[in-house]
């Protein structure tokens, strides 16, 4: 499954798309299903052993601008 997930990430698929595609392609095979949260965790959590090639994080979409704290003063 790891090689399938890495191949889809290399094609710029989002983790949500990959998780949905796996559920449709392997509906009865629980071993071929993973949540999008698990894909994100394997990419970004430094405590986990490297399950997915972390260089693929550069392929993730970044449509949303960087979040910055909203300093409202004392409202």
Protein backbone atom coordinates (compact mmCIF):
# COMPACT_ATOMS: atom_id res chain seq x y z
CA UNK A 1 0.00 0.00 0.00
CA UNK A 2 2.89 2.37 0.76
CA UNK A 3 4.08 2.31 -2.84
CA UNK A 4 0.56 3.09 -4.09
CA UNK A 5 0.23 6.04 -1.71
CA UNK A 6 3.67 7.36 -2.66
CA UNK A 7 2.87 7.05 -6.37
CA UNK A 8 -0.38 9.00 -5.95
CA UNK A 9 1.37 11.70 -3.87
CA UNK A 10 3.99 11.99 -6.63
CA UNK A 11 1.11 12.68 -9.05
CA UNK A 12 -0.02 15.55 -6.78
CA UNK A 13 -3.05 13.72 -5.40
CA UNK A 14 -4.24 14.94 -2.02
CA UNK A 15 -4.35 12.51 0.92
CA UNK A 16 -8.16 12.81 0.86
CA UNK A 17 -8.25 11.76 -2.80
CA UNK A 18 -5.91 8.84 -2.14
CA UNK A 19 -7.95 7.57 0.81
CA UNK A 20 -11.18 7.78 -1.20
CA UNK A 21 -9.63 6.09 -4.22
CA UNK A 22 -8.33 3.22 -2.08
CA UNK A 23 -11.80 2.70 -0.56
CA UNK A 24 -13.33 2.52 -4.05
CA UNK A 25 -10.62 0.30 -5.56
CA UNK A 26 -10.47 -2.17 -2.65
CA UNK A 27 -13.93 -2.09 -1.05
CA UNK A 28 -13.64 -5.41 0.76
CA UNK A 29 -9.93 -5.29 1.63
CA UNK A 30 -9.42 -3.49 4.94
CA UNK A 31 -5.63 -3.85 4.63
CA UNK A 32 -5.69 -1.55 1.56
CA UNK A 33 -7.67 1.23 3.25
CA UNK A 34 -6.17 4.14 5.16
CA UNK A 35 -7.51 7.47 6.39
CA UNK A 36 -6.22 10.75 5.05
CA UNK A 37 -5.20 11.65 8.60
CA UNK A 38 -2.89 8.63 8.70
CA UNK A 39 -1.26 9.76 5.45
CA UNK A 40 -0.69 13.26 6.82
CA UNK A 41 0.71 11.85 10.07
CA UNK A 42 3.16 9.61 8.25
CA UNK A 43 4.38 12.62 6.28
CA UNK A 44 4.65 15.24 9.02
CA UNK A 45 4.96 13.63 12.46
CA UNK A 46 8.69 13.51 13.30
CA UNK A 47 8.18 10.91 16.07
CA UNK A 48 6.87 8.28 13.68
CA UNK A 49 9.25 6.12 11.75
CA UNK A 50 9.46 7.21 8.16
CA UNK A 51 6.65 5.27 6.50
CA UNK A 52 6.24 7.52 3.47
CA UNK A 53 8.97 9.44 1.67
CA UNK A 54 8.87 12.90 3.26
CA UNK A 55 10.13 14.60 0.11
CA UNK A 56 6.61 14.05 -1.24
CA UNK A 57 5.33 16.80 1.07
CA UNK A 58 6.47 19.26 -1.58
CA UNK A 59 3.85 17.75 -3.91
CA UNK A 60 0.95 18.50 -1.57
CA UNK A 61 -1.36 21.26 -2.60
CA UNK A 62 -1.00 24.57 -0.84
CA UNK A 63 -4.04 26.44 -2.10
CA UNK A 64 -4.72 28.05 1.26
CA UNK A 65 -2.41 30.87 2.30
CA UNK A 66 -0.25 30.47 5.37
CA UNK A 67 -2.19 31.04 8.56
CA UNK A 68 -1.06 33.88 10.74
CA UNK A 69 -2.29 34.73 14.23
CA UNK A 70 -4.95 37.39 14.32
CA UNK A 71 -3.77 40.01 16.79
CA UNK A 72 -6.94 41.87 17.72
CA UNK A 73 -5.44 43.88 20.53
CA UNK A 74 -7.74 43.71 23.53
CA UNK A 75 -11.20 43.41 22.04
